[in-house]
C-alpha atoms as a PDB file:
ATOM      1  CA  MET A   1       3.487 -40.983 -42.590  1.00  0.00           C
ATOM      2  CA  ASP A   2       1.680 -37.640 -42.262  1.00  0.00           C
ATOM      3  CA  GLN A   3      -1.988 -37.614 -41.334  1.00  0.00           C
ATOM      4  CA  LEU A   4      -4.618 -36.254 -43.587  1.00  0.00           C
ATOM      5  CA  PRO A   5      -6.915 -33.828 -41.907  1.00  0.00           C
ATOM      6  CA  LEU A   6     -10.561 -35.166 -41.364  1.00  0.00           C
ATOM      7  CA  GLU A   7     -12.981 -33.261 -42.611  1.00  0.00           C
ATOM      8  CA  GLY A   8     -15.861 -32.431 -39.903  1.00  0.00           C
ATOM      9  CA  MET A   9     -14.076 -33.405 -36.851  1.00  0.00           C
ATOM     10  CA  PRO A  10     -15.280 -31.631 -33.729  1.00  0.00           C
ATOM     11  CA  ARG A  11     -13.407 -28.372 -32.612  1.00  0.00           C
ATOM     12  CA  ARG A  12     -11.376 -29.232 -29.305  1.00  0.00           C
ATOM     13  CA  LEU A  13     -13.405 -27.682 -26.574  1.00  0.00           C
ATOM     14  CA  TYR A  14     -11.876 -24.363 -25.380  1.00  0.00           C
ATOM     15  CA  SER A  15     -10.701 -25.017 -21.513  1.00  0.00           C
ATOM     16  CA  CYS A  16     -11.279 -21.751 -19.411  1.00  0.00           C
ATOM     17  CA  THR A  17     -12.299 -20.013 -16.312  1.00  0.00           C
ATOM     18  CA  PRO A  18     -14.560 -16.963 -16.279  1.00  0.00           C
ATOM     19  CA  SER A  19     -11.540 -15.195 -15.137  1.00  0.00           C
ATOM     20  CA  ARG A  20      -9.875 -16.209 -18.451  1.00  0.00           C
ATOM     21  CA  LEU A  21     -12.767 -15.235 -20.341  1.00  0.00           C
ATOM     22  CA  ASN A  22     -12.953 -11.684 -18.783  1.00  0.00           C
ATOM     23  CA  THR A  23      -9.325 -11.005 -19.081  1.00  0.00           C
ATOM     24  CA  TRP A  24      -9.823 -11.460 -22.785  1.00  0.00           C
ATOM     25  CA  LEU A  25     -12.745  -9.024 -22.693  1.00  0.00           C
ATOM     26  CA  ASP A  26     -10.660  -6.482 -20.712  1.00  0.00           C
ATOM     27  CA  CYS A  27      -7.633  -6.414 -22.754  1.00  0.00           C
ATOM     28  CA  PRO A  28      -6.176  -9.288 -25.292  1.00  0.00           C
ATOM     29  CA  ARG A  29      -2.310  -8.021 -24.512  1.00  0.00           C
ATOM     30  CA  ARG A  30      -2.646  -8.722 -20.755  1.00  0.00           C
ATOM     31  CA  TYR A  31      -4.679 -12.222 -21.744  1.00  0.00           C
ATOM     32  CA  ARG A  32      -1.528 -13.000 -23.860  1.00  0.00           C
ATOM     33  CA  PHE A  33       0.889 -11.865 -21.191  1.00  0.00           C
ATOM     34  CA  THR A  34      -0.954 -14.080 -18.570  1.00  0.00           C
ATOM     35  CA  TYR A  35      -1.766 -17.292 -20.341  1.00  0.00           C
ATOM     36  CA  LEU A  36       0.386 -17.514 -23.491  1.00  0.00           C
ATOM     37  CA  ASP A  37       3.516 -15.890 -23.584  1.00  0.00           C
ATOM     38  CA  ARG A  38       6.347 -18.556 -21.719  1.00  0.00           C
ATOM     39  CA  PRO A  39       8.432 -17.469 -20.117  1.00  0.00           C
ATOM     40  CA  ALA A  40       5.966 -15.057 -18.864  1.00  0.00           C
ATOM     41  CA  PRO A  41       6.883 -11.291 -18.382  1.00  0.00           C
ATOM     42  CA  GLN A  42       7.732 -10.467 -14.964  1.00  0.00           C
ATOM     43  CA  LYS A  43       4.746  -8.876 -13.103  1.00  0.00           C
ATOM     44  CA  GLY A  44       4.759  -5.651 -11.217  1.00  0.00           C
ATOM     45  CA  PRO A  45       4.901  -5.709  -7.172  1.00  0.00           C
ATOM     46  CA  PRO A  46       2.010  -7.062  -5.251  1.00  0.00           C
ATOM     47  CA  TRP A  47      -1.264  -4.731  -4.841  1.00  0.00           C
ATOM     48  CA  ALA A  48      -2.343  -4.157  -1.274  1.00  0.00           C
ATOM     49  CA  HIS A  49      -6.420  -4.349  -2.339  1.00  0.00           C
ATOM     50  CA  ASN A  50      -5.417  -8.181  -3.439  1.00  0.00           C
ATOM     51  CA  SER A  51      -3.899  -8.765   0.015  1.00  0.00           C
ATOM     52  CA  VAL A  52      -7.438  -7.554   1.787  1.00  0.00           C
ATOM     53  CA  GLY A  53      -9.629  -9.637  -0.640  1.00  0.00           C
ATOM     54  CA  VAL A  54      -7.534 -12.681  -0.260  1.00  0.00           C
ATOM     55  CA  SER A  55      -7.256 -12.772   3.430  1.00  0.00           C
ATOM     56  CA  VAL A  56     -11.008 -11.944   3.770  1.00  0.00           C
ATOM     57  CA  HIS A  57     -11.821 -14.687   1.534  1.00  0.00           C
ATOM     58  CA  ASN A  58      -9.541 -17.258   3.455  1.00  0.00           C
ATOM     59  CA  ALA A  59     -10.814 -15.935   6.912  1.00  0.00           C
ATOM     60  CA  LEU A  60     -14.383 -16.796   5.862  1.00  0.00           C
ATOM     61  CA  ALA A  61     -13.714 -20.256   4.321  1.00  0.00           C
ATOM     62  CA  GLY A  62     -11.895 -21.042   7.603  1.00  0.00           C
ATOM     63  CA  TRP A  63     -14.745 -20.041   9.312  1.00  0.00           C
ATOM     64  CA  TRP A  64     -17.350 -22.503   7.859  1.00  0.00           C
ATOM     65  CA  ARG A  65     -14.629 -24.976   8.437  1.00  0.00           C
ATOM     66  CA  GLU A  66     -14.396 -24.821  12.332  1.00  0.00           C
ATOM     67  CA  PRO A  67     -17.238 -27.005  14.292  1.00  0.00           C
ATOM     68  CA  TYR A  68     -20.304 -25.368  14.993  1.00  0.00           C
ATOM     69  CA  GLU A  69     -19.766 -24.151  18.262  1.00  0.00           C
ATOM     70  CA  ARG A  70     -16.375 -22.104  17.428  1.00  0.00           C
ATOM     71  CA  ARG A  71     -18.442 -20.121  14.531  1.00  0.00           C
ATOM     72  CA  THR A  72     -18.256 -17.123  16.200  1.00  0.00           C
ATOM     73  CA  PRO A  73     -17.550 -13.482  15.108  1.00  0.00           C
ATOM     74  CA  VAL A  74     -14.115 -13.612  17.674  1.00  0.00           C
ATOM     75  CA  MET A  75     -13.186 -16.689  15.853  1.00  0.00           C
ATOM     76  CA  ALA A  76     -13.689 -14.730  12.476  1.00  0.00           C
ATOM     77  CA  GLY A  77     -11.272 -11.903  13.621  1.00  0.00           C
ATOM     78  CA  VAL A  78      -8.737 -14.473  15.000  1.00  0.00           C
ATOM     79  CA  LEU A  79      -8.841 -16.333  11.805  1.00  0.00           C
ATOM     80  CA  LEU A  80      -8.375 -13.121   9.854  1.00  0.00           C
ATOM     81  CA  ASN A  81      -5.159 -11.867  11.836  1.00  0.00           C
ATOM     82  CA  ASN A  82      -3.605 -15.403  11.707  1.00  0.00           C
ATOM     83  CA  GLY A  83      -4.012 -15.644   8.037  1.00  0.00           C
ATOM     84  CA  TRP A  84      -3.120 -11.973   7.029  1.00  0.00           C
ATOM     85  CA  ILE A  85      -0.912 -11.287   4.236  1.00  0.00           C
ATOM     86  CA  GLY A  86       0.701  -8.115   4.304  1.00  0.00           C
ATOM     87  CA  GLU A  87       1.937  -7.894   0.903  1.00  0.00           C
ATOM     88  CA  GLY A  88       1.330  -4.707  -1.329  1.00  0.00           C
ATOM     89  CA  PHE A  89       1.114  -2.321   1.595  1.00  0.00           C
ATOM     90  CA  ARG A  90       3.044   1.379   2.052  1.00  0.00           C
ATOM     91  CA  ASP A  91       4.964  -0.252   5.210  1.00  0.00           C
ATOM     92  CA  ALA A  92       4.011  -2.207   8.193  1.00  0.00           C
ATOM     93  CA  ALA A  93       1.650   0.612   9.742  1.00  0.00           C
ATOM     94  CA  GLN A  94      -0.427   1.046   6.849  1.00  0.00           C
ATOM     95  CA  SER A  95      -0.769  -3.043   7.058  1.00  0.00           C
ATOM     96  CA  ALA A  96      -1.753  -3.033  10.282  1.00  0.00           C
ATOM     97  CA  VAL A  97      -4.535  -0.172   9.743  1.00  0.00           C
ATOM     98  CA  TRP A  98      -5.852  -2.480   6.756  1.00  0.00           C
ATOM     99  CA  ARG A  99      -5.758  -5.559   9.023  1.00  0.00           C
ATOM    100  CA  GLU A 100      -7.719  -3.974  11.810  1.00  0.00           C
ATOM    101  CA  ARG A 101     -10.211  -2.623   9.085  1.00  0.00           C
ATOM    102  CA  ALA A 102     -10.697  -6.152   7.557  1.00  0.00           C
ATOM    103  CA  ARG A 103     -11.234  -7.732  10.925  1.00  0.00           C
ATOM    104  CA  GLU A 104     -13.802  -5.850  11.582  1.00  0.00           C
ATOM    105  CA  MET A 105     -15.354  -6.523   8.435  1.00  0.00           C
ATOM    106  CA  VAL A 106     -15.354 -10.253   8.846  1.00  0.00           C
ATOM    107  CA  MET A 107     -16.290 -10.293  12.774  1.00  0.00           C
ATOM    108  CA  GLY A 108     -19.392  -7.737  11.648  1.00  0.00           C
ATOM    109  CA  TYR A 109     -20.423 -10.111   8.653  1.00  0.00           C
ATOM    110  CA  ALA A 110     -19.897 -13.259  10.621  1.00  0.00           C
ATOM    111  CA  ALA A 111     -22.136 -11.827  13.424  1.00  0.00           C
ATOM    112  CA  SER A 112     -25.138 -11.676  10.447  1.00  0.00           C
ATOM    113  CA  LEU A 113     -24.655 -15.674   9.778  1.00  0.00           C
ATOM    114  CA  ASP A 114     -26.440 -18.392  11.453  1.00  0.00           C
ATOM    115  CA  PRO A 115     -23.419 -20.717  12.055  1.00  0.00           C
ATOM    116  CA  SER A 116     -25.953 -23.793  11.760  1.00  0.00           C
ATOM    117  CA  ASP A 117     -27.122 -22.829   8.200  1.00  0.00           C
ATOM    118  CA  GLU A 118     -24.470 -25.270   6.919  1.00  0.00           C
ATOM    119  CA  PRO A 119     -23.555 -24.354   3.218  1.00  0.00           C
ATOM    120  CA  VAL A 120     -23.266 -27.057   0.201  1.00  0.00           C
ATOM    121  CA  GLY A 121     -19.741 -25.746  -0.452  1.00  0.00           C
ATOM    122  CA  VAL A 122     -17.265 -23.266   0.275  1.00  0.00           C
ATOM    123  CA  GLU A 123     -14.783 -22.359  -2.068  1.00  0.00           C
ATOM    124  CA  ARG A 124     -16.047 -25.132  -3.992  1.00  0.00           C
ATOM    125  CA  THR A 125     -14.949 -25.749  -7.407  1.00  0.00           C
ATOM    126  CA  VAL A 126     -17.852 -26.539 -10.098  1.00  0.00           C
ATOM    127  CA  ALA A 127     -17.213 -27.023 -13.711  1.00  0.00           C
ATOM    128  CA  THR A 128     -19.546 -27.558 -16.771  1.00  0.00           C
ATOM    129  CA  ARG A 129     -19.035 -28.173 -20.420  1.00  0.00           C
ATOM    130  CA  THR A 130     -21.010 -27.294 -23.651  1.00  0.00           C
ATOM    131  CA  SER A 131     -20.131 -28.113 -27.065  1.00  0.00           C
ATOM    132  CA  VAL A 132     -17.904 -25.054 -27.362  1.00  0.00           C
ATOM    133  CA  ILE A 133     -16.176 -24.885 -23.799  1.00  0.00           C
ATOM    134  CA  ALA A 134     -15.093 -26.924 -20.841  1.00  0.00           C
ATOM    135  CA  VAL A 135     -15.458 -23.987 -17.794  1.00  0.00           C
ATOM    136  CA  SER A 136     -14.679 -24.143 -14.256  1.00  0.00           C
ATOM    137  CA  GLY A 137     -14.344 -22.073 -11.334  1.00  0.00           C
ATOM    138  CA  ARG A 138     -14.388 -21.763  -7.624  1.00  0.00           C
ATOM    139  CA  VAL A 139     -17.833 -20.313  -5.832  1.00  0.00           C
ATOM    140  CA  ASP A 140     -16.679 -18.458  -2.713  1.00  0.00           C
ATOM    141  CA  ARG A 141     -20.144 -20.315  -1.055  1.00  0.00           C
ATOM    142  CA  LEU A 142     -22.793 -22.200  -2.243  1.00  0.00           C
ATOM    143  CA  ASP A 143     -25.915 -22.127   0.028  1.00  0.00           C
ATOM    144  CA  ARG A 144     -29.376 -24.391  -0.427  1.00  0.00           C
ATOM    145  CA  ARG A 145     -32.399 -22.375   0.342  1.00  0.00           C
ATOM    146  CA  GLY A 146     -35.246 -24.731   0.181  1.00  0.00           C
ATOM    147  CA  ASP A 147     -34.964 -26.965  -3.262  1.00  0.00           C
ATOM    148  CA  GLU A 148     -33.050 -24.551  -4.586  1.00  0.00           C
ATOM    149  CA  LEU A 149     -29.323 -23.415  -4.776  1.00  0.00           C
ATOM    150  CA  VAL A 150     -27.555 -19.983  -4.289  1.00  0.00           C
ATOM    151  CA  VAL A 151     -24.087 -18.748  -5.556  1.00  0.00           C
ATOM    152  CA  VAL A 152     -22.643 -16.435  -2.582  1.00  0.00           C
ATOM    153  CA  ASP A 153     -19.787 -14.400  -3.829  1.00  0.00           C
ATOM    154  CA  TYR A 154     -17.896 -11.956  -1.220  1.00  0.00           C
ATOM    155  CA  LYS A 155     -16.557  -8.622  -2.274  1.00  0.00           C
ATOM    156  CA  THR A 156     -14.394  -6.359  -0.568  1.00  0.00           C
ATOM    157  CA  GLY A 157     -14.116  -3.346  -2.945  1.00  0.00           C
ATOM    158  CA  ARG A 158     -14.686   0.074  -1.658  1.00  0.00           C
ATOM    159  CA  ARG A 159     -17.410   0.578  -4.542  1.00  0.00           C
ATOM    160  CA  PRO A 160     -20.788  -0.256  -3.358  1.00  0.00           C
ATOM    161  CA  LEU A 161     -22.683  -2.696  -5.691  1.00  0.00           C
ATOM    162  CA  THR A 162     -25.872  -2.472  -7.447  1.00  0.00           C
ATOM    163  CA  GLU A 163     -28.174  -4.887  -8.947  1.00  0.00           C
ATOM    164  CA  ASP A 164     -26.814  -4.807 -12.142  1.00  0.00           C
ATOM    165  CA  ASP A 165     -23.444  -5.901 -10.922  1.00  0.00           C
ATOM    166  CA  ALA A 166     -25.297  -9.302  -9.895  1.00  0.00           C
ATOM    167  CA  ARG A 167     -27.196  -9.561 -13.138  1.00  0.00           C
ATOM    168  CA  SER A 168     -24.661  -9.152 -15.500  1.00  0.00           C
ATOM    169  CA  SER A 169     -21.739 -10.911 -13.942  1.00  0.00           C
ATOM    170  CA  LEU A 170     -20.686 -13.476 -16.257  1.00  0.00           C
ATOM    171  CA  ALA A 171     -19.087 -15.530 -13.850  1.00  0.00           C
ATOM    172  CA  LEU A 172     -21.598 -15.898 -11.348  1.00  0.00           C
ATOM    173  CA  ALA A 173     -23.819 -16.941 -13.920  1.00  0.00           C
ATOM    174  CA  VAL A 174     -21.574 -19.954 -15.179  1.00  0.00           C
ATOM    175  CA  TYR A 175     -21.363 -20.844 -11.663  1.00  0.00           C
ATOM    176  CA  ALA A 176     -25.008 -21.129 -11.485  1.00  0.00           C
ATOM    177  CA  VAL A 177     -25.227 -23.446 -14.168  1.00  0.00           C
ATOM    178  CA  ALA A 178     -21.802 -25.059 -13.428  1.00  0.00           C
ATOM    179  CA  SER A 179     -23.752 -25.964  -9.897  1.00  0.00           C
ATOM    180  CA  SER A 180     -26.923 -26.985 -10.901  1.00  0.00           C
ATOM    181  CA  ARG A 181     -25.356 -29.252 -13.241  1.00  0.00           C
ATOM    182  CA  MET A 182     -22.985 -30.886 -10.733  1.00  0.00           C
ATOM    183  CA  MET A 183     -25.625 -30.941  -7.744  1.00  0.00           C
ATOM    184  CA  ARG A 184     -28.376 -31.938  -9.858  1.00  0.00           C
ATOM    185  CA  ARG A 185     -30.483 -29.314  -7.949  1.00  0.00           C
ATOM    186  CA  PRO A 186     -31.604 -25.889  -9.852  1.00  0.00           C
ATOM    187  CA  CYS A 187     -29.645 -22.783  -9.355  1.00  0.00           C
ATOM    188  CA  HIS A 188     -31.271 -19.239 -10.565  1.00  0.00           C
ATOM    189  CA  ARG A 189     -30.218 -16.809  -7.446  1.00  0.00           C
ATOM    190  CA  VAL A 190     -26.727 -15.323  -7.257  1.00  0.00           C
ATOM    191  CA  GLU A 191     -25.750 -12.933  -4.608  1.00  0.00           C
ATOM    192  CA  LEU A 192     -22.798 -10.816  -4.000  1.00  0.00           C
ATOM    193  CA  HIS A 193     -22.123  -9.961  -0.285  1.00  0.00           C
ATOM    194  CA  HIS A 194     -20.138  -6.283  -0.153  1.00  0.00           C
ATOM    195  CA  LEU A 195     -18.371  -6.815   3.092  1.00  0.00           C
ATOM    196  CA  PRO A 196     -17.206  -3.163   3.579  1.00  0.00           C
ATOM    197  CA  THR A 197     -21.340  -2.066   3.947  1.00  0.00           C
ATOM    198  CA  GLY A 198     -23.201  -5.178   4.884  1.00  0.00           C
ATOM    199  CA  SER A 199     -25.111  -4.922   1.880  1.00  0.00           C
ATOM    200  CA  ILE A 200     -26.224  -8.065  -0.247  1.00  0.00           C
ATOM    201  CA  VAL A 201     -26.988  -7.457  -4.059  1.00  0.00           C
ATOM    202  CA  GLU A 202     -28.871 -10.475  -5.792  1.00  0.00           C
ATOM    203  CA  TRP A 203     -30.444 -11.330  -8.891  1.00  0.00           C
ATOM    204  CA  GLU A 204     -32.601 -14.180  -9.651  1.00  0.00           C
ATOM    205  CA  HIS A 205     -31.912 -15.609 -12.959  1.00  0.00           C
ATOM    206  CA  SER A 206     -34.126 -17.246 -15.435  1.00  0.00           C
ATOM    207  CA  GLU A 207     -33.282 -20.338 -17.559  1.00  0.00           C
ATOM    208  CA  GLU A 208     -33.278 -18.154 -20.655  1.00  0.00           C
ATOM    209  CA  SER A 209     -31.008 -15.577 -18.831  1.00  0.00           C
ATOM    210  CA  LEU A 210     -28.560 -18.126 -17.857  1.00  0.00           C
ATOM    211  CA  ALA A 211     -28.542 -19.620 -21.553  1.00  0.00           C
ATOM    212  CA  ARG A 212     -27.710 -16.154 -22.608  1.00  0.00           C
ATOM    213  CA  HIS A 213     -24.769 -15.988 -20.357  1.00  0.00           C
ATOM    214  CA  ILE A 214     -23.446 -19.444 -21.424  1.00  0.00           C
ATOM    215  CA  GLY A 215     -24.197 -18.280 -25.250  1.00  0.00           C
ATOM    216  CA  ARG A 216     -21.670 -14.913 -24.405  1.00  0.00           C
ATOM    217  CA  ALA A 217     -19.201 -17.273 -22.686  1.00  0.00           C
ATOM    218  CA  GLU A 218     -19.136 -19.455 -25.645  1.00  0.00           C
ATOM    219  CA  ALA A 219     -19.018 -16.207 -28.296  1.00  0.00           C
ATOM    220  CA  ILE A 220     -15.860 -14.983 -26.016  1.00  0.00           C
ATOM    221  CA  ALA A 221     -14.453 -18.157 -26.025  1.00  0.00           C
ATOM    222  CA  VAL A 222     -14.386 -18.485 -29.893  1.00  0.00           C
ATOM    223  CA  GLU A 223     -12.601 -15.698 -30.177  1.00  0.00           C
ATOM    224  CA  ALA A 224     -10.039 -16.402 -27.693  1.00  0.00           C
ATOM    225  CA  SER A 225      -9.658 -19.892 -29.055  1.00  0.00           C
ATOM    226  CA  GLU A 226      -8.877 -18.515 -32.700  1.00  0.00           C
ATOM    227  CA  ALA A 227      -6.180 -16.304 -31.134  1.00  0.00           C
ATOM    228  CA  ASP A 228      -4.894 -18.482 -29.256  1.00  0.00           C
ATOM    229  CA  GLU A 229      -4.216 -20.887 -32.685  1.00  0.00           C
ATOM    230  CA  ALA A 230      -2.545 -17.763 -33.838  1.00  0.00           C
ATOM    231  CA  TYR A 231      -0.207 -17.494 -31.463  1.00  0.00           C
ATOM    232  CA  ARG A 232       0.661 -21.426 -31.601  1.00  0.00           C
ATOM    233  CA  ALA A 233       0.970 -21.234 -35.244  1.00  0.00           C
ATOM    234  CA  TRP A 234       3.823 -18.297 -34.566  1.00  0.00           C
ATOM    235  CA  ALA A 235       5.359 -20.070 -31.446  1.00  0.00           C
ATOM    236  CA  GLY A 236       5.675 -22.936 -33.603  1.00  0.00           C
ATOM    237  CA  GLU A 237       7.903 -20.869 -36.724  1.00  0.00           C
ATOM    238  CA  ALA A 238       9.728 -19.146 -33.990  1.00  0.00           C
ATOM    239  CA  PRO A 239      13.684 -20.389 -34.379  1.00  0.00           C
ATOM    240  CA  ARG A 240      14.022 -22.710 -31.194  1.00  0.00           C
ATOM    241  CA  GLY A 241      17.770 -22.795 -29.841  1.00  0.00           C
ATOM    242  CA  SER A 242      19.896 -22.186 -26.634  1.00  0.00           C
ATOM    243  CA  ARG A 243      18.993 -19.606 -24.458  1.00  0.00           C
ATOM    244  CA  THR A 244      20.649 -17.759 -21.665  1.00  0.00           C
ATOM    245  CA  ALA A 245      19.302 -17.283 -17.899  1.00  0.00           C
ATOM    246  CA  ALA A 246      18.643 -13.839 -18.780  1.00  0.00           C
ATOM    247  CA  ALA A 247      16.895 -14.441 -22.136  1.00  0.00           C
ATOM    248  CA  GLU A 248      14.967 -17.008 -20.396  1.00  0.00           C
ATOM    249  CA  ARG A 249      13.218 -14.435 -18.200  1.00  0.00           C
ATOM    250  CA  THR A 250      12.566 -12.315 -21.064  1.00  0.00           C
ATOM    251  CA  PRO A 251       9.747 -13.078 -23.397  1.00  0.00           C
ATOM    252  CA  PRO A 252      10.752 -13.314 -27.197  1.00  0.00           C
ATOM    253  CA  ALA A 253       9.832 -10.210 -29.554  1.00  0.00           C
ATOM    254  CA  VAL A 254       6.541 -10.865 -31.007  1.00  0.00           C
ATOM    255  CA  PRO A 255       6.013 -10.167 -34.735  1.00  0.00           C
ATOM    256  CA  PRO A 256       3.169  -7.038 -35.794  1.00  0.00           C
ATOM    257  CA  ARG A 257       0.986  -9.309 -36.761  1.00  0.00           C
ATOM    258  CA  ILE A 258       0.654 -11.133 -33.217  1.00  0.00           C
ATOM    259  CA  ASP A 259       0.109  -7.639 -31.681  1.00  0.00           C
ATOM    260  CA  GLU A 260      -2.865  -7.144 -33.915  1.00  0.00           C
ATOM    261  CA  VAL A 261      -4.042 -10.110 -32.842  1.00  0.00           C
ATOM    262  CA  PHE A 262      -3.509  -9.598 -29.245  1.00  0.00           C
ATOM    263  CA  PRO A 263      -4.023  -5.343 -29.050  1.00  0.00           C
ATOM    264  CA  PRO A 264      -4.043  -3.440 -25.784  1.00  0.00           C
ATOM    265  CA  ARG A 265      -7.194  -2.265 -24.744  1.00  0.00           C
ATOM    266  CA  THR A 266      -6.248   0.907 -22.597  1.00  0.00           C
ATOM    267  CA  GLY A 267      -8.257   2.554 -20.005  1.00  0.00           C
ATOM    268  CA  PRO A 268      -8.862   2.781 -16.043  1.00  0.00           C
ATOM    269  CA  LEU A 269      -7.432  -1.053 -15.587  1.00  0.00           C
ATOM    270  CA  CYS A 270      -4.123  -0.058 -16.865  1.00  0.00           C
ATOM    271  CA  SER A 271      -3.601   1.538 -13.493  1.00  0.00           C
ATOM    272  CA  TRP A 272      -4.220  -2.158 -11.714  1.00  0.00           C
ATOM    273  CA  CYS A 273      -2.459  -3.967 -14.298  1.00  0.00           C
ATOM    274  CA  ASP A 274       0.342  -6.581 -13.115  1.00  0.00           C
ATOM    275  CA  PHE A 275       1.901  -5.925 -16.697  1.00  0.00           C
ATOM    276  CA  ARG A 276       1.899  -2.673 -17.062  1.00  0.00           C
ATOM    277  CA  ALA A 277       5.972  -2.097 -17.360  1.00  0.00           C
ATOM    278  CA  HIS A 278       5.697  -4.199 -20.403  1.00  0.00           C
ATOM    279  CA  CYS A 279       3.124  -2.260 -22.469  1.00  0.00           C
ATOM    280  CA  PRO A 280       3.704   1.143 -23.650  1.00  0.00           C
ATOM    281  CA  GLU A 281       0.387   1.932 -24.339  1.00  0.00           C
ATOM    282  CA  GLY A 282      -0.733   1.133 -20.899  1.00  0.00           C
ATOM    283  CA  ARG A 283       1.858   3.239 -19.458  1.00  0.00           C
ATOM    284  CA  GLN A 284       0.668   6.149 -21.323  1.00  0.00           C
ATOM    285  CA  ALA A 285      -3.009   5.514 -20.302  1.00  0.00           C
END
């Protein structure tokens, strides 16, 4: 027997990460390719800058997991070398050059740290929920400074960072709120540690500014959730049947109305998009 819809039932929480929310903001089409299309479109080749970033993050996480007496700058370099990811580079020579640059970065950064200042968490998953979203993410490092927590995020990009980068970061604000609720300690400060320059950019949130970020996350989630529902409605109407192995690797064609829900948002990020090969507008941009 069919069940009648119940009026006034609460809306299902939108489960997400800050990355998912930011992907929707950056480009709804890339959001669809990443989170909805199944099978997902084949990604392009790996990017060297991603390999550098992951290698550095892994080395620093491993450094904090070492016994206190082994937390030295030399050990940071060893961990970087041992865990180096060489994908995305032009050739072995270019990979070796960047491995040395990354090794110098982590050694220099480790030299600025107090190995006895044990973090509350390293690569720690934090989560929280509101009446609209269930959001989670992984914090690079969570420090305790006095009675408060501090969210630390490592950055390896070339562009120098500004205070506005820390202030406006949706991810850092969400991590601060989630960390505070999970650890039952106040958390207002967020920091971006830029390893290429050794600089630290920080921002001290107020309760009001954190609430604004959460409200912004909820507004984005409502938009994305409505788009998800439109996609699921189309997918439910799509004809089912046997598919060849080749067809399984190719996402089904979507009707124009779905493309209207997930339009491409072209710009500089198109140059770094994993799905550029599947997006005519992105290739043109």
